[in-house]
Protein backbone atom coordinates (compact mmCIF):
# COMPACT_ATOMS: atom_id res chain seq x y z
CA UNK A 1 0.00 0.00 0.00
CA UNK A 2 1.34 3.40 -0.88
CA UNK A 3 0.58 5.55 2.13
CA UNK A 4 0.57 9.32 1.67
CA UNK A 5 3.64 9.66 3.89
CA UNK A 6 5.57 7.33 1.56
CA UNK A 7 4.89 9.14 -1.72
CA UNK A 8 8.02 11.30 -1.44
CA UNK A 9 10.07 8.18 -0.65
CA UNK A 10 8.68 6.43 -3.76
CA UNK A 11 9.41 9.43 -6.00
CA UNK A 12 12.92 9.74 -4.60
CA UNK A 13 13.65 6.04 -5.19
CA UNK A 14 12.34 6.31 -8.73
CA UNK A 15 14.29 9.52 -9.46
CA UNK A 16 17.49 7.92 -8.14
CA UNK A 17 17.06 5.09 -10.64
CA UNK A 18 16.07 2.30 -8.27
CA UNK A 19 13.88 -0.46 -9.65
CA UNK A 20 10.35 -0.21 -8.26
CA UNK A 21 8.33 -3.39 -7.84
CA UNK A 22 4.80 -4.20 -6.80
CA UNK A 23 4.02 -5.82 -3.44
CA UNK A 24 0.19 -5.52 -3.41
CA UNK A 25 -2.22 -3.00 -2.00
CA UNK A 26 -3.13 -4.61 1.31
CA UNK A 27 -0.36 -7.13 2.02
CA UNK A 28 -2.78 -10.04 2.03
CA UNK A 29 -2.05 -13.73 1.71
CA UNK A 30 -2.45 -13.82 -2.06
CA UNK A 31 -3.02 -17.59 -2.34
CA UNK A 32 -6.28 -17.15 -0.42
CA UNK A 33 -7.67 -14.71 -3.00
CA UNK A 34 -9.52 -15.25 -6.26
CA UNK A 35 -7.82 -14.32 -9.52
CA UNK A 36 -9.95 -11.17 -9.68
CA UNK A 37 -8.95 -10.19 -6.15
CA UNK A 38 -5.27 -10.85 -6.92
CA UNK A 39 -5.47 -8.64 -9.97
CA UNK A 40 -7.12 -5.87 -7.94
CA UNK A 41 -4.39 -6.05 -5.28
CA UNK A 42 -1.73 -5.68 -7.98
CA UNK A 43 -3.50 -3.23 -10.28
CA UNK A 44 -4.35 -0.68 -7.57
CA UNK A 45 -0.65 -0.27 -6.72
CA UNK A 46 0.34 -0.35 -10.38
CA UNK A 47 -2.02 2.51 -11.18
CA UNK A 48 -0.85 4.59 -8.20
CA UNK A 49 2.81 4.18 -9.08
CA UNK A 50 2.14 4.94 -12.73
CA UNK A 51 0.22 8.09 -11.79
CA UNK A 52 3.05 9.25 -9.52
CA UNK A 53 6.04 8.33 -11.68
CA UNK A 54 4.87 7.29 -15.14
CA UNK A 55 6.46 3.89 -14.51
CA UNK A 56 5.00 0.61 -15.78
CA UNK A 57 6.24 -1.85 -13.15
CA UNK A 58 6.97 -5.42 -14.22
CA UNK A 59 8.03 -7.28 -11.06
CA UNK A 60 5.73 -8.47 -8.29
CA UNK A 61 6.74 -10.04 -4.99
CA UNK A 62 3.80 -11.57 -3.17
CA UNK A 63 3.54 -10.72 0.53
CA UNK A 64 5.00 -13.43 2.77
CA UNK A 65 6.30 -15.19 -0.35
CA UNK A 66 2.83 -16.72 -0.53
CA UNK A 67 1.70 -17.69 -4.01
CA UNK A 68 -0.03 -20.36 -6.05
CA UNK A 69 -0.92 -20.84 -9.72
CA UNK A 70 -3.78 -18.33 -9.44
CA UNK A 71 -1.44 -15.60 -8.18
CA UNK A 72 1.08 -16.30 -10.93
CA UNK A 73 -1.61 -16.32 -13.62
CA UNK A 74 -3.13 -13.07 -12.36
CA UNK A 75 0.26 -11.33 -12.23
CA UNK A 76 1.30 -12.66 -15.64
CA UNK A 77 -1.96 -11.48 -17.19
CA UNK A 78 -1.13 -7.99 -15.88
CA UNK A 79 2.36 -8.14 -17.41
CA UNK A 80 4.26 -8.99 -14.24
CA UNK A 81 7.03 -11.44 -13.42
CA UNK A 82 6.42 -13.01 -10.01
CA UNK A 83 9.64 -13.08 -8.04
CA UNK A 84 10.86 -14.68 -4.84
CA UNK A 85 14.05 -14.59 -2.84
CA UNK A 86 16.49 -17.32 -1.95
CA UNK A 87 18.36 -15.48 0.81
CA UNK A 88 16.23 -14.14 3.66
CA UNK A 89 18.14 -11.67 5.85
CA UNK A 90 15.56 -12.20 8.61
CA UNK A 91 15.77 -8.46 9.27
CA UNK A 92 12.02 -8.50 9.88
CA UNK A 93 12.66 -10.56 13.05
CA UNK A 94 14.65 -7.65 14.54
CA UNK A 95 17.57 -9.76 15.80
CA UNK A 96 19.97 -6.87 15.25
CA UNK A 97 22.65 -5.73 12.85
CA UNK A 98 25.18 -8.51 13.51
CA UNK A 99 22.52 -11.15 12.94
CA UNK A 100 21.55 -9.63 9.57
CA UNK A 101 25.19 -9.50 8.47
CA UNK A 102 25.83 -13.11 9.49
CA UNK A 103 22.56 -14.42 8.04
CA UNK A 104 23.23 -12.90 4.61
CA UNK A 105 26.95 -13.49 4.29
CA UNK A 106 26.77 -17.07 5.60
CA UNK A 107 23.55 -18.10 3.87
CA UNK A 108 23.75 -21.55 2.28
CA UNK A 109 21.93 -20.35 -0.87
CA UNK A 110 24.05 -17.24 -1.49
CA UNK A 111 25.37 -17.51 -5.05
CA UNK A 112 24.87 -16.61 -8.70
CA UNK A 113 21.44 -15.10 -9.24
CA UNK A 114 20.60 -14.83 -5.56
CA UNK A 115 17.90 -12.42 -4.50
CA UNK A 116 18.34 -11.18 -0.94
CA UNK A 117 15.20 -10.24 0.98
CA UNK A 118 15.62 -7.12 3.09
CA UNK A 119 13.07 -4.57 4.23
CA UNK A 120 13.24 -0.79 4.29
CA UNK A 121 10.95 -0.30 7.31
CA UNK A 122 10.02 3.24 6.36
CA UNK A 123 9.48 5.31 9.48
CA UNK A 124 10.84 2.65 11.85
CA UNK A 125 14.13 2.33 13.67
CA UNK A 126 15.79 -0.65 11.99
CA UNK A 127 19.29 -2.17 11.99
CA UNK A 128 18.99 -2.96 8.26
CA UNK A 129 20.65 0.24 6.95
CA UNK A 130 23.59 -0.24 9.31
CA UNK A 131 23.91 -3.90 8.27
CA UNK A 132 23.88 -2.91 4.59
CA UNK A 133 26.90 -0.66 5.17
CA UNK A 134 28.84 -3.85 5.92
CA UNK A 135 27.03 -6.44 3.78
CA UNK A 136 27.28 -4.56 0.48
CA UNK A 137 31.07 -3.95 0.60
CA UNK A 138 31.66 -7.51 1.82
CA UNK A 139 29.68 -9.00 -1.05
CA UNK A 140 31.35 -6.71 -3.60
CA UNK A 141 34.77 -7.65 -2.23
CA UNK A 142 33.72 -11.29 -2.54
CA UNK A 143 33.08 -10.74 -6.24
CA UNK A 144 29.35 -10.23 -6.26
CA UNK A 145 27.75 -7.72 -8.60
CA UNK A 146 24.52 -5.96 -7.67
CA UNK A 147 21.90 -5.74 -10.41
CA UNK A 148 18.20 -5.05 -10.54
CA UNK A 149 15.76 -7.93 -10.53
CA UNK A 150 14.72 -6.82 -14.02
CA UNK A 151 18.30 -7.18 -15.25
CA UNK A 152 18.49 -10.61 -13.68
CA UNK A 153 15.21 -11.72 -15.29
CA UNK A 154 16.10 -10.30 -18.70
CA UNK A 155 19.51 -11.96 -18.70
CA UNK A 156 21.34 -8.62 -18.87
CA UNK A 157 23.42 -9.44 -15.80
CA UNK A 158 27.01 -10.61 -16.11
CA UNK A 159 27.00 -14.13 -14.67
CA UNK A 160 30.55 -15.42 -14.64
CA UNK A 161 31.81 -18.12 -12.33
CA UNK A 162 30.20 -19.81 -9.37
CA UNK A 163 30.18 -19.12 -5.69
CA UNK A 164 32.29 -21.09 -3.32
CA UNK A 165 30.42 -22.33 -0.30
CA UNK A 166 31.05 -21.25 3.24
CA UNK A 167 30.67 -18.13 5.29
CA UNK A 168 31.96 -14.83 3.92
CA UNK A 169 33.73 -12.55 6.29
CA UNK A 170 33.48 -8.82 5.69
CA UNK A 171 37.30 -8.94 5.58
CA UNK A 172 37.62 -11.88 3.17
CA UNK A 173 36.64 -12.30 -0.43
CA UNK A 174 35.65 -15.04 -2.81
CA UNK A 175 37.55 -14.92 -6.09
CA UNK A 176 34.57 -15.71 -8.36
CA UNK A 177 32.12 -13.25 -9.80
CA UNK A 178 28.43 -13.56 -9.00
CA UNK A 179 25.19 -11.73 -9.45
CA UNK A 180 22.59 -10.62 -6.93
C-alpha atoms as a PDB file:
ATOM      1  CA  UNK A   1       0.000   0.000   0.000  1.00  0.00           C
ATOM      2  CA  UNK A   2       1.339   3.401  -0.881  1.00  0.00           C
ATOM      3  CA  UNK A   3       0.577   5.552   2.127  1.00  0.00           C
ATOM      4  CA  UNK A   4       0.567   9.319   1.673  1.00  0.00           C
ATOM      5  CA  UNK A   5       3.636   9.659   3.892  1.00  0.00           C
ATOM      6  CA  UNK A   6       5.574   7.333   1.556  1.00  0.00           C
ATOM      7  CA  UNK A   7       4.888   9.144  -1.718  1.00  0.00           C
ATOM      8  CA  UNK A   8       8.018  11.298  -1.444  1.00  0.00           C
ATOM      9  CA  UNK A   9      10.070   8.179  -0.654  1.00  0.00           C
ATOM     10  CA  UNK A  10       8.682   6.434  -3.762  1.00  0.00           C
ATOM     11  CA  UNK A  11       9.409   9.431  -5.995  1.00  0.00           C
ATOM     12  CA  UNK A  12      12.923   9.741  -4.596  1.00  0.00           C
ATOM     13  CA  UNK A  13      13.655   6.039  -5.189  1.00  0.00           C
ATOM     14  CA  UNK A  14      12.341   6.310  -8.734  1.00  0.00           C
ATOM     15  CA  UNK A  15      14.287   9.516  -9.462  1.00  0.00           C
ATOM     16  CA  UNK A  16      17.489   7.917  -8.140  1.00  0.00           C
ATOM     17  CA  UNK A  17      17.065   5.090 -10.645  1.00  0.00           C
ATOM     18  CA  UNK A  18      16.072   2.296  -8.273  1.00  0.00           C
ATOM     19  CA  UNK A  19      13.876  -0.458  -9.646  1.00  0.00           C
ATOM     20  CA  UNK A  20      10.353  -0.213  -8.263  1.00  0.00           C
ATOM     21  CA  UNK A  21       8.334  -3.388  -7.835  1.00  0.00           C
ATOM     22  CA  UNK A  22       4.797  -4.203  -6.796  1.00  0.00           C
ATOM     23  CA  UNK A  23       4.024  -5.824  -3.440  1.00  0.00           C
ATOM     24  CA  UNK A  24       0.186  -5.521  -3.413  1.00  0.00           C
ATOM     25  CA  UNK A  25      -2.216  -2.997  -2.003  1.00  0.00           C
ATOM     26  CA  UNK A  26      -3.133  -4.610   1.311  1.00  0.00           C
ATOM     27  CA  UNK A  27      -0.362  -7.130   2.016  1.00  0.00           C
ATOM     28  CA  UNK A  28      -2.779 -10.043   2.031  1.00  0.00           C
ATOM     29  CA  UNK A  29      -2.051 -13.735   1.709  1.00  0.00           C
ATOM     30  CA  UNK A  30      -2.452 -13.825  -2.063  1.00  0.00           C
ATOM     31  CA  UNK A  31      -3.021 -17.593  -2.339  1.00  0.00           C
ATOM     32  CA  UNK A  32      -6.282 -17.148  -0.417  1.00  0.00           C
ATOM     33  CA  UNK A  33      -7.673 -14.712  -3.005  1.00  0.00           C
ATOM     34  CA  UNK A  34      -9.516 -15.254  -6.261  1.00  0.00           C
ATOM     35  CA  UNK A  35      -7.819 -14.316  -9.523  1.00  0.00           C
ATOM     36  CA  UNK A  36      -9.952 -11.171  -9.682  1.00  0.00           C
ATOM     37  CA  UNK A  37      -8.948 -10.185  -6.149  1.00  0.00           C
ATOM     38  CA  UNK A  38      -5.272 -10.849  -6.916  1.00  0.00           C
ATOM     39  CA  UNK A  39      -5.472  -8.637  -9.971  1.00  0.00           C
ATOM     40  CA  UNK A  40      -7.123  -5.875  -7.943  1.00  0.00           C
ATOM     41  CA  UNK A  41      -4.386  -6.045  -5.280  1.00  0.00           C
ATOM     42  CA  UNK A  42      -1.729  -5.682  -7.977  1.00  0.00           C
ATOM     43  CA  UNK A  43      -3.499  -3.225 -10.280  1.00  0.00           C
ATOM     44  CA  UNK A  44      -4.348  -0.683  -7.573  1.00  0.00           C
ATOM     45  CA  UNK A  45      -0.649  -0.266  -6.718  1.00  0.00           C
ATOM     46  CA  UNK A  46       0.338  -0.352 -10.377  1.00  0.00           C
ATOM     47  CA  UNK A  47      -2.024   2.514 -11.183  1.00  0.00           C
ATOM     48  CA  UNK A  48      -0.854   4.587  -8.196  1.00  0.00           C
ATOM     49  CA  UNK A  49       2.815   4.181  -9.075  1.00  0.00           C
ATOM     50  CA  UNK A  50       2.136   4.942 -12.735  1.00  0.00           C
ATOM     51  CA  UNK A  51       0.217   8.093 -11.793  1.00  0.00           C
ATOM     52  CA  UNK A  52       3.048   9.253  -9.520  1.00  0.00           C
ATOM     53  CA  UNK A  53       6.043   8.329 -11.684  1.00  0.00           C
ATOM     54  CA  UNK A  54       4.873   7.291 -15.137  1.00  0.00           C
ATOM     55  CA  UNK A  55       6.462   3.889 -14.513  1.00  0.00           C
ATOM     56  CA  UNK A  56       5.001   0.606 -15.780  1.00  0.00           C
ATOM     57  CA  UNK A  57       6.237  -1.846 -13.145  1.00  0.00           C
ATOM     58  CA  UNK A  58       6.968  -5.421 -14.224  1.00  0.00           C
ATOM     59  CA  UNK A  59       8.025  -7.278 -11.064  1.00  0.00           C
ATOM     60  CA  UNK A  60       5.728  -8.469  -8.289  1.00  0.00           C
ATOM     61  CA  UNK A  61       6.744 -10.045  -4.987  1.00  0.00           C
ATOM     62  CA  UNK A  62       3.797 -11.568  -3.168  1.00  0.00           C
ATOM     63  CA  UNK A  63       3.538 -10.722   0.528  1.00  0.00           C
ATOM     64  CA  UNK A  64       5.003 -13.425   2.766  1.00  0.00           C
ATOM     65  CA  UNK A  65       6.302 -15.192  -0.354  1.00  0.00           C
ATOM     66  CA  UNK A  66       2.828 -16.719  -0.530  1.00  0.00           C
ATOM     67  CA  UNK A  67       1.705 -17.687  -4.010  1.00  0.00           C
ATOM     68  CA  UNK A  68      -0.032 -20.356  -6.050  1.00  0.00           C
ATOM     69  CA  UNK A  69      -0.924 -20.840  -9.722  1.00  0.00           C
ATOM     70  CA  UNK A  70      -3.778 -18.326  -9.440  1.00  0.00           C
ATOM     71  CA  UNK A  71      -1.437 -15.599  -8.176  1.00  0.00           C
ATOM     72  CA  UNK A  72       1.078 -16.300 -10.931  1.00  0.00           C
ATOM     73  CA  UNK A  73      -1.614 -16.324 -13.625  1.00  0.00           C
ATOM     74  CA  UNK A  74      -3.127 -13.067 -12.356  1.00  0.00           C
ATOM     75  CA  UNK A  75       0.258 -11.335 -12.228  1.00  0.00           C
ATOM     76  CA  UNK A  76       1.301 -12.661 -15.639  1.00  0.00           C
ATOM     77  CA  UNK A  77      -1.959 -11.475 -17.187  1.00  0.00           C
ATOM     78  CA  UNK A  78      -1.126  -7.992 -15.877  1.00  0.00           C
ATOM     79  CA  UNK A  79       2.365  -8.135 -17.414  1.00  0.00           C
ATOM     80  CA  UNK A  80       4.260  -8.986 -14.237  1.00  0.00           C
ATOM     81  CA  UNK A  81       7.028 -11.436 -13.424  1.00  0.00           C
ATOM     82  CA  UNK A  82       6.418 -13.012 -10.009  1.00  0.00           C
ATOM     83  CA  UNK A  83       9.645 -13.082  -8.038  1.00  0.00           C
ATOM     84  CA  UNK A  84      10.863 -14.682  -4.836  1.00  0.00           C
ATOM     85  CA  UNK A  85      14.051 -14.594  -2.842  1.00  0.00           C
ATOM     86  CA  UNK A  86      16.492 -17.321  -1.949  1.00  0.00           C
ATOM     87  CA  UNK A  87      18.364 -15.483   0.813  1.00  0.00           C
ATOM     88  CA  UNK A  88      16.232 -14.138   3.664  1.00  0.00           C
ATOM     89  CA  UNK A  89      18.142 -11.667   5.849  1.00  0.00           C
ATOM     90  CA  UNK A  90      15.555 -12.205   8.609  1.00  0.00           C
ATOM     91  CA  UNK A  91      15.772  -8.462   9.274  1.00  0.00           C
ATOM     92  CA  UNK A  92      12.024  -8.505   9.885  1.00  0.00           C
ATOM     93  CA  UNK A  93      12.664 -10.556  13.046  1.00  0.00           C
ATOM     94  CA  UNK A  94      14.648  -7.647  14.536  1.00  0.00           C
ATOM     95  CA  UNK A  95      17.566  -9.758  15.796  1.00  0.00           C
ATOM     96  CA  UNK A  96      19.968  -6.870  15.254  1.00  0.00           C
ATOM     97  CA  UNK A  97      22.652  -5.727  12.852  1.00  0.00           C
ATOM     98  CA  UNK A  98      25.181  -8.507  13.508  1.00  0.00           C
ATOM     99  CA  UNK A  99      22.521 -11.148  12.941  1.00  0.00           C
ATOM    100  CA  UNK A 100      21.549  -9.633   9.575  1.00  0.00           C
ATOM    101  CA  UNK A 101      25.190  -9.504   8.475  1.00  0.00           C
ATOM    102  CA  UNK A 102      25.829 -13.114   9.489  1.00  0.00           C
ATOM    103  CA  UNK A 103      22.559 -14.420   8.037  1.00  0.00           C
ATOM    104  CA  UNK A 104      23.231 -12.897   4.615  1.00  0.00           C
ATOM    105  CA  UNK A 105      26.954 -13.489   4.285  1.00  0.00           C
ATOM    106  CA  UNK A 106      26.772 -17.067   5.602  1.00  0.00           C
ATOM    107  CA  UNK A 107      23.551 -18.099   3.874  1.00  0.00           C
ATOM    108  CA  UNK A 108      23.747 -21.551   2.283  1.00  0.00           C
ATOM    109  CA  UNK A 109      21.932 -20.346  -0.870  1.00  0.00           C
ATOM    110  CA  UNK A 110      24.048 -17.238  -1.491  1.00  0.00           C
ATOM    111  CA  UNK A 111      25.372 -17.507  -5.046  1.00  0.00           C
ATOM    112  CA  UNK A 112      24.871 -16.615  -8.704  1.00  0.00           C
ATOM    113  CA  UNK A 113      21.437 -15.098  -9.238  1.00  0.00           C
ATOM    114  CA  UNK A 114      20.602 -14.828  -5.556  1.00  0.00           C
ATOM    115  CA  UNK A 115      17.901 -12.421  -4.502  1.00  0.00           C
ATOM    116  CA  UNK A 116      18.342 -11.184  -0.938  1.00  0.00           C
ATOM    117  CA  UNK A 117      15.197 -10.240   0.984  1.00  0.00           C
ATOM    118  CA  UNK A 118      15.622  -7.116   3.094  1.00  0.00           C
ATOM    119  CA  UNK A 119      13.067  -4.565   4.232  1.00  0.00           C
ATOM    120  CA  UNK A 120      13.241  -0.793   4.289  1.00  0.00           C
ATOM    121  CA  UNK A 121      10.950  -0.303   7.309  1.00  0.00           C
ATOM    122  CA  UNK A 122      10.019   3.238   6.363  1.00  0.00           C
ATOM    123  CA  UNK A 123       9.484   5.311   9.479  1.00  0.00           C
ATOM    124  CA  UNK A 124      10.838   2.646  11.854  1.00  0.00           C
ATOM    125  CA  UNK A 125      14.135   2.328  13.666  1.00  0.00           C
ATOM    126  CA  UNK A 126      15.792  -0.648  11.990  1.00  0.00           C
ATOM    127  CA  UNK A 127      19.287  -2.170  11.992  1.00  0.00           C
ATOM    128  CA  UNK A 128      18.991  -2.962   8.259  1.00  0.00           C
ATOM    129  CA  UNK A 129      20.651   0.243   6.947  1.00  0.00           C
ATOM    130  CA  UNK A 130      23.591  -0.242   9.308  1.00  0.00           C
ATOM    131  CA  UNK A 131      23.909  -3.901   8.267  1.00  0.00           C
ATOM    132  CA  UNK A 132      23.884  -2.914   4.592  1.00  0.00           C
ATOM    133  CA  UNK A 133      26.897  -0.657   5.165  1.00  0.00           C
ATOM    134  CA  UNK A 134      28.836  -3.846   5.922  1.00  0.00           C
ATOM    135  CA  UNK A 135      27.028  -6.438   3.781  1.00  0.00           C
ATOM    136  CA  UNK A 136      27.284  -4.558   0.478  1.00  0.00           C
ATOM    137  CA  UNK A 137      31.067  -3.946   0.598  1.00  0.00           C
ATOM    138  CA  UNK A 138      31.657  -7.512   1.825  1.00  0.00           C
ATOM    139  CA  UNK A 139      29.679  -8.995  -1.052  1.00  0.00           C
ATOM    140  CA  UNK A 140      31.349  -6.713  -3.597  1.00  0.00           C
ATOM    141  CA  UNK A 141      34.768  -7.646  -2.226  1.00  0.00           C
ATOM    142  CA  UNK A 142      33.716 -11.287  -2.536  1.00  0.00           C
ATOM    143  CA  UNK A 143      33.082 -10.742  -6.245  1.00  0.00           C
ATOM    144  CA  UNK A 144      29.352 -10.229  -6.263  1.00  0.00           C
ATOM    145  CA  UNK A 145      27.751  -7.718  -8.600  1.00  0.00           C
ATOM    146  CA  UNK A 146      24.520  -5.959  -7.670  1.00  0.00           C
ATOM    147  CA  UNK A 147      21.903  -5.738 -10.410  1.00  0.00           C
ATOM    148  CA  UNK A 148      18.195  -5.051 -10.536  1.00  0.00           C
ATOM    149  CA  UNK A 149      15.764  -7.934 -10.531  1.00  0.00           C
ATOM    150  CA  UNK A 150      14.720  -6.824 -14.018  1.00  0.00           C
ATOM    151  CA  UNK A 151      18.304  -7.179 -15.253  1.00  0.00           C
ATOM    152  CA  UNK A 152      18.494 -10.613 -13.678  1.00  0.00           C
ATOM    153  CA  UNK A 153      15.210 -11.720 -15.295  1.00  0.00           C
ATOM    154  CA  UNK A 154      16.101 -10.295 -18.701  1.00  0.00           C
ATOM    155  CA  UNK A 155      19.511 -11.955 -18.696  1.00  0.00           C
ATOM    156  CA  UNK A 156      21.338  -8.623 -18.872  1.00  0.00           C
ATOM    157  CA  UNK A 157      23.424  -9.437 -15.802  1.00  0.00           C
ATOM    158  CA  UNK A 158      27.014 -10.611 -16.113  1.00  0.00           C
ATOM    159  CA  UNK A 159      26.997 -14.129 -14.669  1.00  0.00           C
ATOM    160  CA  UNK A 160      30.551 -15.420 -14.641  1.00  0.00           C
ATOM    161  CA  UNK A 161      31.808 -18.124 -12.325  1.00  0.00           C
ATOM    162  CA  UNK A 162      30.201 -19.812  -9.372  1.00  0.00           C
ATOM    163  CA  UNK A 163      30.185 -19.124  -5.690  1.00  0.00           C
ATOM    164  CA  UNK A 164      32.290 -21.092  -3.317  1.00  0.00           C
ATOM    165  CA  UNK A 165      30.416 -22.333  -0.298  1.00  0.00           C
ATOM    166  CA  UNK A 166      31.053 -21.249   3.239  1.00  0.00           C
ATOM    167  CA  UNK A 167      30.673 -18.129   5.291  1.00  0.00           C
ATOM    168  CA  UNK A 168      31.956 -14.835   3.925  1.00  0.00           C
ATOM    169  CA  UNK A 169      33.735 -12.555   6.292  1.00  0.00           C
ATOM    170  CA  UNK A 170      33.481  -8.820   5.693  1.00  0.00           C
ATOM    171  CA  UNK A 171      37.302  -8.939   5.584  1.00  0.00           C
ATOM    172  CA  UNK A 172      37.620 -11.879   3.168  1.00  0.00           C
ATOM    173  CA  UNK A 173      36.645 -12.296  -0.434  1.00  0.00           C
ATOM    174  CA  UNK A 174      35.654 -15.038  -2.814  1.00  0.00           C
ATOM    175  CA  UNK A 175      37.549 -14.921  -6.092  1.00  0.00           C
ATOM    176  CA  UNK A 176      34.575 -15.714  -8.359  1.00  0.00           C
ATOM    177  CA  UNK A 177      32.118 -13.248  -9.797  1.00  0.00           C
ATOM    178  CA  UNK A 178      28.431 -13.562  -8.998  1.00  0.00           C
ATOM    179  CA  UNK A 179      25.187 -11.728  -9.449  1.00  0.00           C
ATOM    180  CA  UNK A 180      22.595 -10.617  -6.928  1.00  0.00           C
END
